[in-house]
C-alpha atoms as a PDB file:
ATOM      1  CA  MET A   1      11.796  51.439  -9.054  1.00  0.00           C
ATOM      2  CA  LYS A   2      12.744  51.384  -5.361  1.00  0.00           C
ATOM      3  CA  LEU A   3       9.061  51.137  -4.413  1.00  0.00           C
ATOM      4  CA  LYS A   4       8.646  48.135  -6.719  1.00  0.00           C
ATOM      5  CA  LYS A   5      11.671  46.386  -5.128  1.00  0.00           C
ATOM      6  CA  ASN A   6      10.255  47.015  -1.667  1.00  0.00           C
ATOM      7  CA  GLN A   7       6.864  45.657  -2.747  1.00  0.00           C
ATOM      8  CA  ILE A   8       8.539  42.544  -4.169  1.00  0.00           C
ATOM      9  CA  LYS A   9      10.494  42.088  -0.915  1.00  0.00           C
ATOM     10  CA  ILE A  10       7.300  42.407   1.100  1.00  0.00           C
ATOM     11  CA  GLU A  11       5.467  39.915  -1.114  1.00  0.00           C
ATOM     12  CA  LEU A  12       8.425  37.531  -1.014  1.00  0.00           C
ATOM     13  CA  ASN A  13       8.528  37.741   2.795  1.00  0.00           C
ATOM     14  CA  ILE A  14       4.795  37.025   2.918  1.00  0.00           C
ATOM     15  CA  ILE A  15       5.261  33.998   0.674  1.00  0.00           C
ATOM     16  CA  LEU A  16       8.239  32.750   2.716  1.00  0.00           C
ATOM     17  CA  SER A  17       6.263  33.252   5.933  1.00  0.00           C
ATOM     18  CA  TYR A  18       3.383  31.310   4.427  1.00  0.00           C
ATOM     19  CA  ILE A  19       5.710  28.460   3.402  1.00  0.00           C
ATOM     20  CA  TYR A  20       7.253  28.431   6.885  1.00  0.00           C
ATOM     21  CA  TYR A  21       3.776  28.359   8.448  1.00  0.00           C
ATOM     22  CA  ILE A  22       2.631  25.500   6.194  1.00  0.00           C
ATOM     23  CA  ASN A  23       5.794  23.508   7.010  1.00  0.00           C
ATOM     24  CA  LEU A  24       5.234  24.144  10.707  1.00  0.00           C
ATOM     25  CA  ILE A  25       1.641  22.915  10.459  1.00  0.00           C
ATOM     26  CA  TYR A  26       2.813  19.905   8.443  1.00  0.00           C
ATOM     27  CA  LYS A  27       5.274  18.967  11.177  1.00  0.00           C
ATOM     28  CA  MET A  28       2.845  19.616  14.017  1.00  0.00           C
ATOM     29  CA  ALA A  29      -0.234  18.082  12.417  1.00  0.00           C
ATOM     30  CA  SER A  30       0.834  14.534  12.928  1.00  0.00           C
ATOM     31  CA  PHE A  31      -0.815  11.526  11.413  1.00  0.00           C
ATOM     32  CA  HIS A  32      -2.921  10.930  14.511  1.00  0.00           C
ATOM     33  CA  THR A  33      -4.797  14.212  13.996  1.00  0.00           C
ATOM     34  CA  LYS A  34      -6.451  12.796  10.875  1.00  0.00           C
ATOM     35  CA  THR A  35      -4.302  14.974   8.645  1.00  0.00           C
ATOM     36  CA  PHE A  36      -3.777  12.254   6.069  1.00  0.00           C
ATOM     37  CA  LEU A  37      -0.524  12.749   4.249  1.00  0.00           C
ATOM     38  CA  LYS A  38      -0.564  11.511   0.680  1.00  0.00           C
ATOM     39  CA  HIS A  39       2.570   9.410   1.184  1.00  0.00           C
ATOM     40  CA  ASP A  40       1.924   8.202   4.706  1.00  0.00           C
ATOM     41  CA  ASP A  41      -1.713   7.269   5.023  1.00  0.00           C
ATOM     42  CA  TYR A  42      -1.671   3.489   5.203  1.00  0.00           C
ATOM     43  CA  MET A  43      -3.951   2.053   7.864  1.00  0.00           C
ATOM     44  CA  THR A  44      -3.422  -1.149   9.817  1.00  0.00           C
ATOM     45  CA  PRO A  45      -5.565  -4.102   8.789  1.00  0.00           C
ATOM     46  CA  LYS A  46      -7.142  -6.154  11.581  1.00  0.00           C
ATOM     47  CA  THR A  47      -5.093  -9.173  10.491  1.00  0.00           C
ATOM     48  CA  ALA A  48      -1.878  -7.366  11.489  1.00  0.00           C
ATOM     49  CA  TRP A  49      -2.996  -7.334  15.140  1.00  0.00           C
ATOM     50  CA  ASP A  50      -4.767 -10.680  14.983  1.00  0.00           C
ATOM     51  CA  ASN A  51      -1.492 -12.310  13.855  1.00  0.00           C
ATOM     52  CA  ILE A  52       0.347 -11.223  17.025  1.00  0.00           C
ATOM     53  CA  LYS A  53      -2.434 -11.088  19.622  1.00  0.00           C
ATOM     54  CA  GLN A  54      -0.757 -13.884  21.600  1.00  0.00           C
ATOM     55  CA  PHE A  55       2.319 -11.646  22.112  1.00  0.00           C
ATOM     56  CA  ILE A  56       0.458  -8.524  23.262  1.00  0.00           C
ATOM     57  CA  PRO A  57       0.161  -8.428  27.076  1.00  0.00           C
ATOM     58  CA  LYS A  58      -3.500  -8.808  28.114  1.00  0.00           C
ATOM     59  CA  ASP A  59      -2.932  -7.279  31.553  1.00  0.00           C
ATOM     60  CA  LYS A  60      -1.694  -3.920  30.227  1.00  0.00           C
ATOM     61  CA  ILE A  61      -3.535  -0.828  29.029  1.00  0.00           C
ATOM     62  CA  ILE A  62      -2.584  -0.283  25.396  1.00  0.00           C
ATOM     63  CA  TRP A  63      -2.056   3.172  23.970  1.00  0.00           C
ATOM     64  CA  GLU A  64      -2.625   3.026  20.218  1.00  0.00           C
ATOM     65  CA  ALA A  65      -0.781   6.322  19.868  1.00  0.00           C
ATOM     66  CA  PHE A  66      -1.304   7.131  16.190  1.00  0.00           C
ATOM     67  CA  TYR A  67      -4.964   7.647  15.466  1.00  0.00           C
ATOM     68  CA  GLY A  68      -5.069   7.339  11.680  1.00  0.00           C
ATOM     69  CA  ASP A  69      -8.651   6.475  10.732  1.00  0.00           C
ATOM     70  CA  GLY A  70      -9.423   5.152  14.229  1.00  0.00           C
ATOM     71  CA  LYS A  71      -9.891   1.544  13.195  1.00  0.00           C
ATOM     72  CA  SER A  72      -6.634   0.156  14.589  1.00  0.00           C
ATOM     73  CA  GLY A  73      -7.759   0.897  18.142  1.00  0.00           C
ATOM     74  CA  GLU A  74     -11.159  -0.632  17.366  1.00  0.00           C
ATOM     75  CA  TYR A  75      -9.478  -3.801  16.091  1.00  0.00           C
ATOM     76  CA  LEU A  76      -7.340  -4.137  19.213  1.00  0.00           C
ATOM     77  CA  THR A  77     -10.451  -3.630  21.371  1.00  0.00           C
ATOM     78  CA  GLU A  78     -12.327  -6.286  19.371  1.00  0.00           C
ATOM     79  CA  LEU A  79      -9.433  -8.665  20.110  1.00  0.00           C
ATOM     80  CA  GLY A  80     -10.068  -8.197  23.828  1.00  0.00           C
ATOM     81  CA  PHE A  81      -7.488  -5.574  24.776  1.00  0.00           C
ATOM     82  CA  ASN A  82      -8.025  -2.512  26.972  1.00  0.00           C
ATOM     83  CA  VAL A  83      -7.142   0.304  24.539  1.00  0.00           C
ATOM     84  CA  ILE A  84      -6.731   4.072  24.682  1.00  0.00           C
ATOM     85  CA  HIS A  85      -7.104   5.356  21.136  1.00  0.00           C
ATOM     86  CA  GLU A  86      -7.790   9.062  20.870  1.00  0.00           C
ATOM     87  CA  ALA A  87      -6.790  11.776  18.416  1.00  0.00           C
ATOM     88  CA  ILE A  88      -4.195  13.289  20.755  1.00  0.00           C
ATOM     89  CA  ASP A  89      -0.589  14.363  20.295  1.00  0.00           C
ATOM     90  CA  PHE A  90       1.939  11.538  20.705  1.00  0.00           C
ATOM     91  CA  TYR A  91       4.698  14.051  21.377  1.00  0.00           C
ATOM     92  CA  GLU A  92       2.818  15.792  24.180  1.00  0.00           C
ATOM     93  CA  ASP A  93       0.841  12.975  25.794  1.00  0.00           C
ATOM     94  CA  ASP A  94       1.752   9.734  27.548  1.00  0.00           C
ATOM     95  CA  LYS A  95      -1.041   7.201  28.022  1.00  0.00           C
ATOM     96  CA  GLY A  96      -1.393   3.547  28.959  1.00  0.00           C
ATOM     97  CA  ASP A  97       1.174   0.956  29.984  1.00  0.00           C
ATOM     98  CA  ILE A  98       2.329  -0.115  26.516  1.00  0.00           C
ATOM     99  CA  ILE A  99       2.278   1.380  23.020  1.00  0.00           C
ATOM    100  CA  VAL A 100       0.976  -0.869  20.252  1.00  0.00           C
ATOM    101  CA  SER A 101       0.791   0.963  16.954  1.00  0.00           C
ATOM    102  CA  ASN A 102       1.569   1.407  13.286  1.00  0.00           C
ATOM    103  CA  PRO A 103       3.248   4.837  13.321  1.00  0.00           C
ATOM    104  CA  PRO A 104       3.637   7.127  10.315  1.00  0.00           C
ATOM    105  CA  PHE A 105       6.826   5.856   8.711  1.00  0.00           C
ATOM    106  CA  SER A 106       7.882   9.321   7.530  1.00  0.00           C
ATOM    107  CA  ASP A 107       8.171  10.498  11.143  1.00  0.00           C
ATOM    108  CA  CYS A 108      10.098   7.518  12.550  1.00  0.00           C
ATOM    109  CA  LYS A 109      13.216   9.491  13.468  1.00  0.00           C
ATOM    110  CA  LYS A 110      11.246  11.726  15.814  1.00  0.00           C
ATOM    111  CA  ILE A 111       9.112   8.810  17.023  1.00  0.00           C
ATOM    112  CA  MET A 112      12.162   6.709  17.959  1.00  0.00           C
ATOM    113  CA  LYS A 113      13.587   9.571  20.014  1.00  0.00           C
ATOM    114  CA  ARG A 114      10.263  10.042  21.834  1.00  0.00           C
ATOM    115  CA  LEU A 115       9.973   6.302  22.523  1.00  0.00           C
ATOM    116  CA  ALA A 116      13.490   6.179  23.921  1.00  0.00           C
ATOM    117  CA  ASP A 117      12.672   9.132  26.185  1.00  0.00           C
ATOM    118  CA  LEU A 118       9.432   7.484  27.369  1.00  0.00           C
ATOM    119  CA  ASP A 119      11.228   4.158  27.960  1.00  0.00           C
ATOM    120  CA  LYS A 120       7.823   2.480  27.771  1.00  0.00           C
ATOM    121  CA  PRO A 121       7.175  -1.006  26.350  1.00  0.00           C
ATOM    122  CA  PHE A 122       6.054  -1.001  22.743  1.00  0.00           C
ATOM    123  CA  ILE A 123       5.154  -3.103  19.742  1.00  0.00           C
ATOM    124  CA  LEU A 124       5.405  -1.096  16.524  1.00  0.00           C
ATOM    125  CA  ILE A 125       4.857  -2.107  12.929  1.00  0.00           C
ATOM    126  CA  MET A 126       7.588  -0.535  10.825  1.00  0.00           C
ATOM    127  CA  PRO A 127       9.497  -1.365   7.655  1.00  0.00           C
ATOM    128  CA  SER A 128      12.234  -3.928   8.164  1.00  0.00           C
ATOM    129  CA  SER A 129      14.787  -1.391   6.916  1.00  0.00           C
ATOM    130  CA  LYS A 130      14.227   0.905   9.928  1.00  0.00           C
ATOM    131  CA  ILE A 131      16.524  -1.205  12.089  1.00  0.00           C
ATOM    132  CA  ASN A 132      19.438  -0.129   9.863  1.00  0.00           C
ATOM    133  CA  THR A 133      18.911   3.603  10.388  1.00  0.00           C
ATOM    134  CA  SER A 134      21.254   5.685  12.503  1.00  0.00           C
ATOM    135  CA  TYR A 135      18.343   7.112  14.511  1.00  0.00           C
ATOM    136  CA  PHE A 136      17.130   3.630  15.452  1.00  0.00           C
ATOM    137  CA  ARG A 137      20.655   2.632  16.415  1.00  0.00           C
ATOM    138  CA  ASP A 138      21.288   5.853  18.349  1.00  0.00           C
ATOM    139  CA  ASN A 139      18.140   5.447  20.427  1.00  0.00           C
ATOM    140  CA  PHE A 140      18.066   1.678  20.971  1.00  0.00           C
ATOM    141  CA  MET A 141      21.584   0.271  20.576  1.00  0.00           C
ATOM    142  CA  ASP A 142      21.936  -0.421  24.291  1.00  0.00           C
ATOM    143  CA  LYS A 143      18.342  -1.539  24.768  1.00  0.00           C
ATOM    144  CA  LYS A 144      16.920  -4.970  24.087  1.00  0.00           C
ATOM    145  CA  ILE A 145      14.835  -4.899  20.935  1.00  0.00           C
ATOM    146  CA  GLN A 146      13.019  -8.032  19.849  1.00  0.00           C
ATOM    147  CA  ILE A 147      11.480  -8.614  16.441  1.00  0.00           C
ATOM    148  CA  ILE A 148       8.439 -10.505  15.260  1.00  0.00           C
ATOM    149  CA  ILE A 149       8.648 -11.337  11.563  1.00  0.00           C
ATOM    150  CA  PRO A 150       5.317 -11.771   9.768  1.00  0.00           C
ATOM    151  CA  ARG A 151       4.774 -14.812   7.604  1.00  0.00           C
ATOM    152  CA  LYS A 152       3.952 -12.533   4.664  1.00  0.00           C
ATOM    153  CA  ARG A 153       3.731  -8.833   3.905  1.00  0.00           C
ATOM    154  CA  ILE A 154       1.184  -6.780   5.796  1.00  0.00           C
ATOM    155  CA  GLN A 155      -1.356  -5.436   3.343  1.00  0.00           C
ATOM    156  CA  PHE A 156      -2.008  -1.925   4.645  1.00  0.00           C
ATOM    157  CA  ILE A 157      -5.157  -0.057   3.708  1.00  0.00           C
ATOM    158  CA  LYS A 158      -4.384   3.046   1.651  1.00  0.00           C
ATOM    159  CA  LEU A 159      -6.427   6.178   2.245  1.00  0.00           C
ATOM    160  CA  VAL A 160      -6.636   9.214  -0.017  1.00  0.00           C
ATOM    161  CA  ASP A 161      -8.243  12.233   1.605  1.00  0.00           C
ATOM    162  CA  GLY A 162      -9.401   9.962   4.417  1.00  0.00           C
ATOM    163  CA  LYS A 163     -11.116   7.378   2.182  1.00  0.00           C
ATOM    164  CA  VAL A 164     -10.190   4.125   0.486  1.00  0.00           C
ATOM    165  CA  PRO A 165      -9.896   4.876  -3.246  1.00  0.00           C
ATOM    166  CA  GLU A 166     -12.425   3.285  -5.579  1.00  0.00           C
ATOM    167  CA  ASN A 167     -11.180  -0.041  -7.018  1.00  0.00           C
ATOM    168  CA  TYR A 168      -8.276  -0.066  -4.559  1.00  0.00           C
ATOM    169  CA  LYS A 169      -6.290  -3.282  -4.320  1.00  0.00           C
ATOM    170  CA  SER A 170      -3.756  -3.586  -1.522  1.00  0.00           C
ATOM    171  CA  VAL A 171      -0.364  -4.602  -2.842  1.00  0.00           C
ATOM    172  CA  CYS A 172       2.307  -3.723  -0.319  1.00  0.00           C
ATOM    173  CA  ASN A 173       5.775  -3.680  -1.879  1.00  0.00           C
ATOM    174  CA  PHE A 174       7.884  -3.657   1.291  1.00  0.00           C
ATOM    175  CA  ASP A 175       8.408  -5.878   4.302  1.00  0.00           C
ATOM    176  CA  CYS A 176       7.640  -4.880   7.869  1.00  0.00           C
ATOM    177  CA  PHE A 177       8.588  -6.213  11.267  1.00  0.00           C
ATOM    178  CA  TYR A 178       6.908  -5.857  14.618  1.00  0.00           C
ATOM    179  CA  TYR A 179       9.560  -4.098  16.689  1.00  0.00           C
ATOM    180  CA  CYS A 180       9.186  -4.949  20.369  1.00  0.00           C
ATOM    181  CA  TYR A 181      10.713  -3.303  23.399  1.00  0.00           C
ATOM    182  CA  LYS A 182      10.305  -4.516  26.995  1.00  0.00           C
ATOM    183  CA  ILE A 183       7.832  -7.185  25.842  1.00  0.00           C
ATOM    184  CA  GLU A 184       9.958 -10.110  27.109  1.00  0.00           C
ATOM    185  CA  LEU A 185       9.220 -12.475  24.247  1.00  0.00           C
ATOM    186  CA  LYS A 186      10.574 -16.017  24.501  1.00  0.00           C
ATOM    187  CA  ASN A 187      12.930 -15.418  21.536  1.00  0.00           C
ATOM    188  CA  ASP A 188      14.648 -12.269  20.314  1.00  0.00           C
ATOM    189  CA  ILE A 189      13.472 -13.107  16.796  1.00  0.00           C
ATOM    190  CA  THR A 190      10.061 -14.690  16.471  1.00  0.00           C
ATOM    191  CA  TRP A 191       8.918 -15.986  13.094  1.00  0.00           C
ATOM    192  CA  LEU A 192       5.154 -16.144  12.630  1.00  0.00           C
ATOM    193  CA  LYS A 193       3.830 -19.355  11.113  1.00  0.00           C
END
């Protein structure tokens, strides 16, 4: 009986270690490593960047910090920007003069802290509700944030296992803003026409 209890303890510890390891990998394997999370794998359409190209500084090197499927960086390059877009770790690396990206929304708390620490200019697409979070407030309350409000919802491109599902139709059910820091826009709130 005692041997059976010990065996169960050992197996339980193995299982708990495995769960811990998987959670650790989940946290470390960020979106930009092409580990597409089922709930957080929405790619940026070219129109999202095309709509604000006039607000993105042309004289700066852009770091598109969250790799996703790689197309966001391609789109920014096609629009004439000098872009660094590599599958590297946002939390370990620091590239370019400005960050222009659509980060994984599920990791925004950690992302906001990192951005505050970097104190680098950025334009990020995030849900409009993020401005009401304590982590956004804690990191940017005393810093000048400006917002660009799209004319309509951004229709992100959903990926499942790294591919657009067959018969997929983009119907985004939430609003996003372009959150800007150190961009020096003419107005603190800019409405796109």
